[in-house]
Structure formats: C-alpha cells, structure tokens
PDB file of N, CA and C in Angstrom:
ATOM      1  N   UNK A   1       0.907  -1.280  -0.044  1.00  0.00           N
ATOM      2  CA  UNK A   1       0.077   0.055  -0.135  1.00  0.00           C
ATOM      3  C   UNK A   1       0.890   1.153  -0.089  1.00  0.00           C
ATOM      4  N   UNK A   2       1.803   1.362   0.859  1.00  0.00           N
ATOM      5  CA  UNK A   2       2.679   2.557   0.821  1.00  0.00           C
ATOM      6  C   UNK A   2       3.622   2.715  -0.543  1.00  0.00           C
ATOM      7  N   UNK A   3       3.933   1.466  -1.210  1.00  0.00           N
ATOM      8  CA  UNK A   3       4.509   1.858  -2.541  1.00  0.00           C
ATOM      9  C   UNK A   3       3.587   2.510  -3.498  1.00  0.00           C
ATOM     10  N   UNK A   4       2.206   1.969  -3.511  1.00  0.00           N
ATOM     11  CA  UNK A   4       1.281   2.585  -4.373  1.00  0.00           C
ATOM     12  C   UNK A   4       1.198   4.173  -3.992  1.00  0.00           C
ATOM     13  N   UNK A   5       1.139   4.284  -2.780  1.00  0.00           N
ATOM     14  CA  UNK A   5       0.987   5.841  -2.464  1.00  0.00           C
ATOM     15  C   UNK A   5       2.160   6.610  -2.653  1.00  0.00           C
ATOM     16  N   UNK A   6       3.359   6.068  -2.607  1.00  0.00           N
ATOM     17  CA  UNK A   6       4.458   7.081  -2.986  1.00  0.00           C
ATOM     18  C   UNK A   6       4.584   7.105  -4.539  1.00  0.00           C
ATOM     19  N   UNK A   7       4.103   5.860  -5.395  1.00  0.00           N
ATOM     20  CA  UNK A   7       4.208   6.226  -6.630  1.00  0.00           C
ATOM     21  C   UNK A   7       3.080   7.046  -7.349  1.00  0.00           C
ATOM     22  N   UNK A   8       1.915   7.178  -6.599  1.00  0.00           N
ATOM     23  CA  UNK A   8       1.029   8.074  -6.875  1.00  0.00           C
ATOM     24  C   UNK A   8       1.452   9.620  -6.680  1.00  0.00           C
ATOM     25  N   UNK A   9       1.947   9.762  -5.665  1.00  0.00           N
ATOM     26  CA  UNK A   9       2.568  11.056  -4.978  1.00  0.00           C
ATOM     27  C   UNK A   9       3.500  11.483  -6.050  1.00  0.00           C
ATOM     28  N   UNK A  10       4.635  10.553  -6.270  1.00  0.00           N
ATOM     29  CA  UNK A  10       5.780  11.002  -7.024  1.00  0.00           C
ATOM     30  C   UNK A  10       5.512  11.356  -8.657  1.00  0.00           C
ATOM     31  N   UNK A  11       4.421  10.745  -9.143  1.00  0.00           N
ATOM     32  CA  UNK A  11       3.833  11.055 -10.378  1.00  0.00           C
ATOM     33  C   UNK A  11       2.717  12.125 -10.641  1.00  0.00           C
ATOM     34  N   UNK A  12       2.291  12.435  -9.219  1.00  0.00           N
ATOM     35  CA  UNK A  12       1.246  13.425  -9.070  1.00  0.00           C
ATOM     36  C   UNK A  12      -0.175  12.997  -9.967  1.00  0.00           C
ATOM     37  N   UNK A  13      -0.423  11.685  -9.398  1.00  0.00           N
ATOM     38  CA  UNK A  13      -1.658  11.146  -9.688  1.00  0.00           C
ATOM     39  C   UNK A  13      -2.540  11.216  -8.708  1.00  0.00           C
ATOM     40  N   UNK A  14      -3.962  10.850  -8.863  1.00  0.00           N
ATOM     41  CA  UNK A  14      -4.876  10.751  -7.769  1.00  0.00           C
ATOM     42  C   UNK A  14      -5.823   9.573  -8.128  1.00  0.00           C
ATOM     43  N   UNK A  15      -5.978   8.604  -6.973  1.00  0.00           N
ATOM     44  CA  UNK A  15      -6.821   7.744  -7.093  1.00  0.00           C
ATOM     45  C   UNK A  15      -8.031   7.753  -6.476  1.00  0.00           C
ATOM     46  N   UNK A  16      -9.329   7.626  -7.239  1.00  0.00           N
ATOM     47  CA  UNK A  16     -10.544   8.053  -6.828  1.00  0.00           C
ATOM     48  C   UNK A  16     -11.405   6.919  -7.297  1.00  0.00           C
ATOM     49  N   UNK A  17     -12.540   6.689  -6.436  1.00  0.00           N
ATOM     50  CA  UNK A  17     -13.644   5.781  -6.459  1.00  0.00           C
ATOM     51  C   UNK A  17     -14.424   6.466  -7.522  1.00  0.00           C
ATOM     52  N   UNK A  18     -14.961   5.855  -8.446  1.00  0.00           N
ATOM     53  CA  UNK A  18     -16.099   6.416  -9.276  1.00  0.00           C
ATOM     54  C   UNK A  18     -17.297   6.400  -8.630  1.00  0.00           C
ATOM     55  N   UNK A  19     -18.158   7.414  -9.303  1.00  0.00           N
ATOM     56  CA  UNK A  19     -19.452   7.681  -8.798  1.00  0.00           C
ATOM     57  C   UNK A  19     -20.420   6.343  -8.837  1.00  0.00           C
ATOM     58  N   UNK A  20     -20.220   5.416  -9.555  1.00  0.00           N
ATOM     59  CA  UNK A  20     -21.072   4.344  -9.814  1.00  0.00           C
ATOM     60  C   UNK A  20     -20.295   2.864 -10.079  1.00  0.00           C
ATOM     61  N   UNK A  21     -20.629   1.919  -9.569  1.00  0.00           N
ATOM     62  CA  UNK A  21     -19.868   0.792  -9.843  1.00  0.00           C
ATOM     63  C   UNK A  21     -18.622   0.295  -9.272  1.00  0.00           C
ATOM     64  N   UNK A  22     -18.450   1.331  -8.108  1.00  0.00           N
ATOM     65  CA  UNK A  22     -17.190   0.838  -7.198  1.00  0.00           C
ATOM     66  C   UNK A  22     -15.884   0.603  -7.883  1.00  0.00           C
ATOM     67  N   UNK A  23     -15.746   1.314  -9.088  1.00  0.00           N
ATOM     68  CA  UNK A  23     -14.544   1.088  -9.854  1.00  0.00           C
ATOM     69  C   UNK A  23     -13.589   2.249  -9.420  1.00  0.00           C
ATOM     70  N   UNK A  24     -12.455   2.002  -9.669  1.00  0.00           N
ATOM     71  CA  UNK A  24     -11.179   3.039  -9.394  1.00  0.00           C
ATOM     72  C   UNK A  24     -10.821   3.695 -10.643  1.00  0.00           C
ATOM     73  N   UNK A  25     -10.274   4.987 -10.356  1.00  0.00           N
ATOM     74  CA  UNK A  25     -10.168   5.793 -11.583  1.00  0.00           C
ATOM     75  C   UNK A  25      -8.498   6.520 -11.239  1.00  0.00           C
ATOM     76  N   UNK A  26      -7.883   6.686 -11.970  1.00  0.00           N
ATOM     77  CA  UNK A  26      -6.768   7.108 -12.051  1.00  0.00           C
ATOM     78  C   UNK A  26      -6.150   8.151 -12.742  1.00  0.00           C
ATOM     79  N   UNK A  27      -5.978   9.258 -12.523  1.00  0.00           N
ATOM     80  CA  UNK A  27      -5.519  10.625 -13.197  1.00  0.00           C
ATOM     81  C   UNK A  27      -4.723  11.499 -12.660  1.00  0.00           C
ATOM     82  N   UNK A  28      -4.029  12.278 -13.576  1.00  0.00           N
ATOM     83  CA  UNK A  28      -3.217  13.266 -13.164  1.00  0.00           C
ATOM     84  C   UNK A  28      -3.857  14.144 -12.496  1.00  0.00           C
ATOM     85  N   UNK A  29      -3.215  15.125 -11.351  1.00  0.00           N
ATOM     86  CA  UNK A  29      -3.889  16.098 -10.600  1.00  0.00           C
ATOM     87  C   UNK A  29      -4.371  17.132 -11.420  1.00  0.00           C
ATOM     88  N   UNK A  30      -3.683  17.436 -12.508  1.00  0.00           N
ATOM     89  CA  UNK A  30      -3.986  18.544 -13.526  1.00  0.00           C
ATOM     90  C   UNK A  30      -5.435  18.241 -14.008  1.00  0.00           C
ATOM     91  N   UNK A  31      -5.610  17.152 -14.176  1.00  0.00           N
ATOM     92  CA  UNK A  31      -7.130  16.679 -14.777  1.00  0.00           C
ATOM     93  C   UNK A  31      -8.129  16.968 -14.027  1.00  0.00           C
ATOM     94  N   UNK A  32      -7.842  16.713 -12.690  1.00  0.00           N
ATOM     95  CA  UNK A  32      -9.013  16.832 -11.633  1.00  0.00           C
ATOM     96  C   UNK A  32      -9.272  18.471 -11.573  1.00  0.00           C
ATOM     97  N   UNK A  33      -8.025  19.154 -11.493  1.00  0.00           N
ATOM     98  CA  UNK A  33      -8.147  20.535 -11.173  1.00  0.00           C
ATOM     99  C   UNK A  33      -8.777  21.276 -12.490  1.00  0.00           C
ATOM    100  N   UNK A  34      -8.725  20.819 -13.733  1.00  0.00           N
ATOM    101  CA  UNK A  34      -9.423  21.484 -15.002  1.00  0.00           C
ATOM    102  C   UNK A  34     -10.894  21.101 -14.643  1.00  0.00           C
ATOM    103  N   UNK A  35     -11.131  19.918 -14.316  1.00  0.00           N
ATOM    104  CA  UNK A  35     -12.680  19.591 -14.267  1.00  0.00           C
ATOM    105  C   UNK A  35     -13.079  20.205 -12.997  1.00  0.00           C
ATOM    106  N   UNK A  36     -12.509  20.346 -12.091  1.00  0.00           N
ATOM    107  CA  UNK A  36     -13.053  21.177 -11.086  1.00  0.00           C
ATOM    108  C   UNK A  36     -13.266  22.728 -11.352  1.00  0.00           C
ATOM    109  N   UNK A  37     -12.671  23.357 -12.143  1.00  0.00           N
ATOM    110  CA  UNK A  37     -12.655  24.713 -12.320  1.00  0.00           C
ATOM    111  C   UNK A  37     -13.901  24.781 -13.494  1.00  0.00           C
ATOM    112  N   UNK A  38     -13.923  23.798 -14.460  1.00  0.00           N
ATOM    113  CA  UNK A  38     -14.789  23.917 -15.346  1.00  0.00           C
ATOM    114  C   UNK A  38     -16.062  23.610 -14.639  1.00  0.00           C
ATOM    115  N   UNK A  39     -16.192  22.881 -13.576  1.00  0.00           N
ATOM    116  CA  UNK A  39     -17.570  22.773 -12.818  1.00  0.00           C
ATOM    117  C   UNK A  39     -17.991  24.181 -12.212  1.00  0.00           C
ATOM    118  N   UNK A  40     -17.098  24.701 -11.424  1.00  0.00           N
ATOM    119  CA  UNK A  40     -17.192  25.900 -10.891  1.00  0.00           C
ATOM    120  C   UNK A  40     -17.687  26.830 -11.752  1.00  0.00           C
ATOM    121  N   UNK A  41     -16.926  27.354 -12.840  1.00  0.00           N
ATOM    122  CA  UNK A  41     -17.213  28.285 -13.940  1.00  0.00           C
ATOM    123  C   UNK A  41     -18.676  27.902 -14.296  1.00  0.00           C
ATOM    124  N   UNK A  42     -19.136  26.857 -14.890  1.00  0.00           N
ATOM    125  CA  UNK A  42     -20.253  26.243 -15.380  1.00  0.00           C
ATOM    126  C   UNK A  42     -21.475  26.464 -14.361  1.00  0.00           C
ATOM    127  N   UNK A  43     -21.209  26.209 -13.145  1.00  0.00           N
ATOM    128  CA  UNK A  43     -22.452  26.289 -12.301  1.00  0.00           C
ATOM    129  C   UNK A  43     -22.458  27.387 -11.378  1.00  0.00           C
ATOM    130  N   UNK A  44     -21.185  27.777 -11.105  1.00  0.00           N
ATOM    131  CA  UNK A  44     -21.458  28.949  -9.956  1.00  0.00           C
ATOM    132  C   UNK A  44     -21.583  28.397  -8.834  1.00  0.00           C
ATOM    133  N   UNK A  45     -21.680  27.238  -8.372  1.00  0.00           N
ATOM    134  CA  UNK A  45     -22.009  26.624  -7.313  1.00  0.00           C
ATOM    135  C   UNK A  45     -20.863  26.810  -6.068  1.00  0.00           C
ATOM    136  N   UNK A  46     -19.663  26.697  -6.543  1.00  0.00           N
ATOM    137  CA  UNK A  46     -18.452  26.755  -5.603  1.00  0.00           C
ATOM    138  C   UNK A  46     -17.584  27.944  -5.948  1.00  0.00           C
ATOM    139  N   UNK A  47     -16.912  28.859  -4.863  1.00  0.00           N
ATOM    140  CA  UNK A  47     -15.824  29.726  -4.986  1.00  0.00           C
ATOM    141  C   UNK A  47     -14.630  29.156  -4.356  1.00  0.00           C
ATOM    142  N   UNK A  48     -13.672  29.213  -5.129  1.00  0.00           N
ATOM    143  CA  UNK A  48     -12.221  28.830  -4.396  1.00  0.00           C
ATOM    144  C   UNK A  48     -12.081  29.891  -3.487  1.00  0.00           C
ATOM    145  N   UNK A  49     -11.541  29.501  -2.193  1.00  0.00           N
ATOM    146  CA  UNK A  49     -11.157  30.464  -1.264  1.00  0.00           C
ATOM    147  C   UNK A  49      -9.372  30.502  -0.688  1.00  0.00           C
ATOM    148  N   UNK A  50      -9.251  31.546  -0.792  1.00  0.00           N
ATOM    149  CA  UNK A  50      -7.660  31.718  -0.280  1.00  0.00           C
ATOM    150  C   UNK A  50      -7.351  31.495   1.207  1.00  0.00           C
ATOM    151  N   UNK A  51      -8.276  31.535   1.998  1.00  0.00           N
ATOM    152  CA  UNK A  51      -8.222  31.424   3.195  1.00  0.00           C
ATOM    153  C   UNK A  51      -9.570  31.191   3.993  1.00  0.00           C
ATOM    154  N   UNK A  52      -9.778  30.543   5.306  1.00  0.00           N
ATOM    155  CA  UNK A  52     -10.812  30.039   5.643  1.00  0.00           C
ATOM    156  C   UNK A  52     -11.516  31.315   6.379  1.00  0.00           C
ATOM    157  N   UNK A  53     -12.683  31.559   6.191  1.00  0.00           N
ATOM    158  CA  UNK A  53     -13.649  32.565   6.804  1.00  0.00           C
ATOM    159  C   UNK A  53     -14.567  31.937   7.910  1.00  0.00           C
ATOM    160  N   UNK A  54     -14.000  30.640   8.408  1.00  0.00           N
ATOM    161  CA  UNK A  54     -14.988  29.770   9.455  1.00  0.00           C
ATOM    162  C   UNK A  54     -14.849  30.707  10.802  1.00  0.00           C
ATOM    163  N   UNK A  55     -14.002  31.125  11.290  1.00  0.00           N
ATOM    164  CA  UNK A  55     -13.957  31.969  12.390  1.00  0.00           C
ATOM    165  C   UNK A  55     -14.554  33.087  12.623  1.00  0.00           C
ATOM    166  N   UNK A  56     -14.542  33.888  11.588  1.00  0.00           N
ATOM    167  CA  UNK A  56     -15.356  35.296  11.539  1.00  0.00           C
ATOM    168  C   UNK A  56     -16.945  34.726  11.341  1.00  0.00           C
ATOM    169  N   UNK A  57     -17.278  33.672  10.673  1.00  0.00           N
ATOM    170  CA  UNK A  57     -18.722  33.268  10.346  1.00  0.00           C
ATOM    171  C   UNK A  57     -19.165  32.965  11.846  1.00  0.00           C
ATOM    172  N   UNK A  58     -18.274  31.908  12.587  1.00  0.00           N
ATOM    173  CA  UNK A  58     -18.768  31.573  13.709  1.00  0.00           C
ATOM    174  C   UNK A  58     -18.954  32.748  14.881  1.00  0.00           C
ATOM    175  N   UNK A  59     -18.206  33.576  14.831  1.00  0.00           N
ATOM    176  CA  UNK A  59     -18.007  34.653  15.909  1.00  0.00           C
ATOM    177  C   UNK A  59     -19.312  35.511  15.596  1.00  0.00           C
ATOM    178  N   UNK A  60     -19.635  35.554  14.432  1.00  0.00           N
ATOM    179  CA  UNK A  60     -20.802  36.359  13.942  1.00  0.00           C
ATOM    180  C   UNK A  60     -22.256  35.789  14.236  1.00  0.00           C
ATOM    181  N   UNK A  61     -22.232  34.651  13.995  1.00  0.00           N
ATOM    182  CA  UNK A  61     -23.667  33.777  14.194  1.00  0.00           C
ATOM    183  C   UNK A  61     -23.471  33.755  15.730  1.00  0.00           C
ATOM    184  N   UNK A  62     -22.529  33.375  16.502  1.00  0.00           N
ATOM    185  CA  UNK A  62     -22.686  33.044  17.833  1.00  0.00           C
ATOM    186  C   UNK A  62     -23.081  34.258  18.615  1.00  0.00           C
ATOM    187  N   UNK A  63     -22.468  35.491  18.187  1.00  0.00           N
ATOM    188  CA  UNK A  63     -22.786  36.903  18.859  1.00  0.00           C
ATOM    189  C   UNK A  63     -24.327  37.229  18.519  1.00  0.00           C
ATOM    190  N   UNK A  64     -24.610  37.110  17.302  1.00  0.00           N
ATOM    191  CA  UNK A  64     -26.230  37.418  16.911  1.00  0.00           C
ATOM    192  C   UNK A  64     -27.058  36.532  17.956  1.00  0.00           C
ATOM    193  N   UNK A  65     -26.802  35.024  17.917  1.00  0.00           N
ATOM    194  CA  UNK A  65     -27.663  34.248  18.791  1.00  0.00           C
ATOM    195  C   UNK A  65     -27.664  34.698  20.413  1.00  0.00           C
ATOM    196  N   UNK A  66     -26.506  35.074  20.736  1.00  0.00           N
ATOM    197  CA  UNK A  66     -26.256  35.442  22.128  1.00  0.00           C
ATOM    198  C   UNK A  66     -27.163  36.758  22.402  1.00  0.00           C
ATOM    199  N   UNK A  67     -26.987  37.553  21.384  1.00  0.00           N
ATOM    200  CA  UNK A  67     -27.947  38.733  21.514  1.00  0.00           C
ATOM    201  C   UNK A  67     -29.482  38.375  21.461  1.00  0.00           C
ATOM    202  N   UNK A  68     -29.754  37.787  20.568  1.00  0.00           N
ATOM    203  CA  UNK A  68     -31.216  37.223  20.487  1.00  0.00           C
ATOM    204  C   UNK A  68     -31.580  36.466  21.788  1.00  0.00           C
ATOM    205  N   UNK A  69     -30.859  35.700  22.323  1.00  0.00           N
ATOM    206  CA  UNK A  69     -31.041  34.814  23.454  1.00  0.00           C
ATOM    207  C   UNK A  69     -31.242  35.693  24.851  1.00  0.00           C
ATOM    208  N   UNK A  70     -30.520  36.497  24.695  1.00  0.00           N
ATOM    209  CA  UNK A  70     -30.352  37.693  25.818  1.00  0.00           C
ATOM    210  C   UNK A  70     -31.779  38.672  26.011  1.00  0.00           C
ATOM    211  N   UNK A  71     -32.564  38.602  24.664  1.00  0.00           N
ATOM    212  CA  UNK A  71     -33.722  39.702  24.725  1.00  0.00           C
ATOM    213  C   UNK A  71     -34.722  38.861  24.900  1.00  0.00           C
ATOM    214  N   UNK A  72     -35.859  39.284  25.788  1.00  0.00           N
ATOM    215  CA  UNK A  72     -36.889  38.461  26.026  1.00  0.00           C
ATOM    216  C   UNK A  72     -37.810  38.229  24.828  1.00  0.00           C
ATOM    217  N   UNK A  73     -38.462  36.843  24.742  1.00  0.00           N
ATOM    218  CA  UNK A  73     -39.101  36.864  23.437  1.00  0.00           C
ATOM    219  C   UNK A  73     -38.697  36.829  22.248  1.00  0.00           C
ATOM    220  N   UNK A  74     -37.368  36.934  22.091  1.00  0.00           N
ATOM    221  CA  UNK A  74     -36.852  36.632  20.669  1.00  0.00           C
ATOM    222  C   UNK A  74     -36.761  34.970  20.303  1.00  0.00           C
ATOM    223  N   UNK A  75     -35.763  34.201  21.044  1.00  0.00           N
ATOM    224  CA  UNK A  75     -35.674  32.882  20.765  1.00  0.00           C
ATOM    225  C   UNK A  75     -35.641  32.200  22.062  1.00  0.00           C
ATOM    226  N   UNK A  76     -36.244  30.873  22.216  1.00  0.00           N
ATOM    227  CA  UNK A  76     -36.529  30.248  23.240  1.00  0.00           C
ATOM    228  C   UNK A  76     -35.054  29.443  23.429  1.00  0.00           C
ATOM    229  N   UNK A  77     -34.864  29.084  24.650  1.00  0.00           N
ATOM    230  CA  UNK A  77     -33.665  28.529  25.317  1.00  0.00           C
ATOM    231  C   UNK A  77     -33.345  27.080  24.231  1.00  0.00           C
ATOM    232  N   UNK A  78     -34.640  26.520  24.023  1.00  0.00           N
ATOM    233  CA  UNK A  78     -34.490  25.264  23.207  1.00  0.00           C
ATOM    234  C   UNK A  78     -33.930  25.716  21.570  1.00  0.00           C
ATOM    235  N   UNK A  79     -34.449  26.994  21.127  1.00  0.00           N
ATOM    236  CA  UNK A  79     -34.131  27.328  19.693  1.00  0.00           C
ATOM    237  C   UNK A  79     -32.657  27.625  19.729  1.00  0.00           C
ATOM    238  N   UNK A  80     -32.178  28.396  20.964  1.00  0.00           N
ATOM    239  CA  UNK A  80     -30.808  28.817  21.117  1.00  0.00           C
ATOM    240  C   UNK A  80     -29.941  27.378  21.066  1.00  0.00           C
ATOM    241  N   UNK A  81     -30.256  26.598  22.053  1.00  0.00           N
ATOM    242  CA  UNK A  81     -29.626  25.467  22.023  1.00  0.00           C
ATOM    243  C   UNK A  81     -29.472  24.832  20.783  1.00  0.00           C
ATOM    244  N   UNK A  82     -30.392  24.669  20.073  1.00  0.00           N
ATOM    245  CA  UNK A  82     -30.445  24.037  18.794  1.00  0.00           C
ATOM    246  C   UNK A  82     -29.639  24.737  17.534  1.00  0.00           C
ATOM    247  N   UNK A  83     -29.590  26.103  17.590  1.00  0.00           N
ATOM    248  CA  UNK A  83     -28.848  26.804  16.599  1.00  0.00           C
ATOM    249  C   UNK A  83     -27.501  27.122  16.775  1.00  0.00           C
ATOM    250  N   UNK A  84     -27.081  27.102  18.350  1.00  0.00           N
ATOM    251  CA  UNK A  84     -25.750  27.540  18.497  1.00  0.00           C
ATOM    252  C   UNK A  84     -24.565  26.624  17.925  1.00  0.00           C
ATOM    253  N   UNK A  85     -23.748  27.212  17.130  1.00  0.00           N
ATOM    254  CA  UNK A  85     -22.951  26.220  16.342  1.00  0.00           C
ATOM    255  C   UNK A  85     -21.670  25.708  17.353  1.00  0.00           C
ATOM    256  N   UNK A  86     -21.160  24.796  17.005  1.00  0.00           N
ATOM    257  CA  UNK A  86     -20.142  23.842  17.915  1.00  0.00           C
ATOM    258  C   UNK A  86     -18.770  24.382  17.183  1.00  0.00           C
ATOM    259  N   UNK A  87     -17.914  24.707  17.752  1.00  0.00           N
ATOM    260  CA  UNK A  87     -16.455  24.956  17.031  1.00  0.00           C
ATOM    261  C   UNK A  87     -15.960  23.741  16.720  1.00  0.00           C
ATOM    262  N   UNK A  88     -16.262  22.633  17.599  1.00  0.00           N
ATOM    263  CA  UNK A  88     -15.520  21.424  17.232  1.00  0.00           C
ATOM    264  C   UNK A  88     -16.286  20.587  16.006  1.00  0.00           C
ATOM    265  N   UNK A  89     -17.382  20.994  15.493  1.00  0.00           N
ATOM    266  CA  UNK A  89     -18.174  20.199  14.514  1.00  0.00           C
ATOM    267  C   UNK A  89     -18.255  20.767  13.061  1.00  0.00           C
ATOM    268  N   UNK A  90     -18.229  22.185  13.463  1.00  0.00           N
ATOM    269  CA  UNK A  90     -18.763  23.119  12.145  1.00  0.00           C
ATOM    270  C   UNK A  90     -17.702  22.957  11.032  1.00  0.00           C
ATOM    271  N   UNK A  91     -17.971  22.912   9.973  1.00  0.00           N
ATOM    272  CA  UNK A  91     -17.104  22.903   8.635  1.00  0.00           C
ATOM    273  C   UNK A  91     -17.651  23.613   7.658  1.00  0.00           C
ATOM    274  N   UNK A  92     -16.666  24.078   6.569  1.00  0.00           N
ATOM    275  CA  UNK A  92     -17.211  24.495   5.312  1.00  0.00           C
ATOM    276  C   UNK A  92     -17.657  23.568   4.313  1.00  0.00           C
ATOM    277  N   UNK A  93     -18.512  23.594   3.517  1.00  0.00           N
ATOM    278  CA  UNK A  93     -18.715  22.802   2.437  1.00  0.00           C
ATOM    279  C   UNK A  93     -17.659  22.829   1.471  1.00  0.00           C
ATOM    280  N   UNK A  94     -17.429  21.866   1.043  1.00  0.00           N
ATOM    281  CA  UNK A  94     -16.185  21.484   0.048  1.00  0.00           C
ATOM    282  C   UNK A  94     -16.721  20.729  -1.170  1.00  0.00           C
ATOM    283  N   UNK A  95     -15.930  21.119  -2.389  1.00  0.00           N
ATOM    284  CA  UNK A  95     -16.306  20.255  -3.377  1.00  0.00           C
ATOM    285  C   UNK A  95     -15.433  18.856  -3.728  1.00  0.00           C
ATOM    286  N   UNK A  96     -15.993  17.877  -3.989  1.00  0.00           N
ATOM    287  CA  UNK A  96     -15.398  16.659  -4.028  1.00  0.00           C
ATOM    288  C   UNK A  96     -15.690  15.964  -5.471  1.00  0.00           C
ATOM    289  N   UNK A  97     -15.008  15.528  -6.384  1.00  0.00           N
ATOM    290  CA  UNK A  97     -15.301  15.171  -7.534  1.00  0.00           C
ATOM    291  C   UNK A  97     -15.320  13.713  -7.537  1.00  0.00           C
ATOM    292  N   UNK A  98     -16.025  13.060  -8.098  1.00  0.00           N
ATOM    293  CA  UNK A  98     -16.136  11.504  -8.332  1.00  0.00           C
ATOM    294  C   UNK A  98     -16.031  11.217  -9.649  1.00  0.00           C
ATOM    295  N   UNK A  99     -15.282  10.715 -10.477  1.00  0.00           N
ATOM    296  CA  UNK A  99     -15.351  10.848 -11.982  1.00  0.00           C
ATOM    297  C   UNK A  99     -16.567   9.666 -12.527  1.00  0.00           C
ATOM    298  N   UNK A 100     -16.907   9.860 -13.573  1.00  0.00           N
ATOM    299  CA  UNK A 100     -17.916   8.925 -13.985  1.00  0.00           C
ATOM    300  C   UNK A 100     -17.447   8.094 -15.183  1.00  0.00           C
ATOM    301  N   UNK A 101     -17.611   6.747 -14.976  1.00  0.00           N
ATOM    302  CA  UNK A 101     -16.778   5.843 -16.113  1.00  0.00           C
ATOM    303  C   UNK A 101     -17.776   5.177 -16.771  1.00  0.00           C
ATOM    304  N   UNK A 102     -19.032   5.313 -16.414  1.00  0.00           N
ATOM    305  CA  UNK A 102     -19.870   4.548 -17.007  1.00  0.00           C
ATOM    306  C   UNK A 102     -20.676   5.034 -18.370  1.00  0.00           C
ATOM    307  N   UNK A 103     -20.269   6.242 -18.745  1.00  0.00           N
ATOM    308  CA  UNK A 103     -20.889   6.910 -19.975  1.00  0.00           C
ATOM    309  C   UNK A 103     -20.035   6.681 -21.196  1.00  0.00           C
TER     310      UNK A 103
END
C-alpha cells in the first residue's frame, strides 16, 4: 500500500472511486483541477477561497444568537441550544469530484 501511495505522489496522480460501480479511476492532478475549475465556472456553485472565513462566521453567528437569547421573547432556550454552532463540528462545504466512467 505504501508503495502505491509513493508512486501516486511521485507521479502527481490521484486515485478516486467512481460515482457508480465501485471502480477506481487514476488521473493526473491537473485533470482533476481542470474538471473542478470547469464545474465551478459552469455552475457558479462553488468559489475557491484563499483562506478560511470559518472563525469570522462562527463569531458573527454566535454573537447574533447570544444577543437574541439575551432579549425577552426573541428565541427560546431550546431554539438557542439547537442553533448555536459548535466549534468542534462546524465545517465549510467543499467540492469533491467523483469521476464518471459509465458513460
């Protein structure tokens, strides 16, 4: 297994499971990058970030919920408990590419 990993890394290859059928697909990292860029441009669904905004987002959401929780009749303790984000489990969405080999 280590030998396979070394060879893949040395040759800048990625090994991915296909979306259907459980087959394996090997391609150069550039191919995956090109497909990712093509998808982002075509759909506008994702934006590549140079740094993570997660801390800023968490702070803003937490501050807003704390403000609402402190005011009477804004949100209930149960709502607050359900909505308050956990720094241990929160993560940004990311794009993951599974090649299609069945077409």
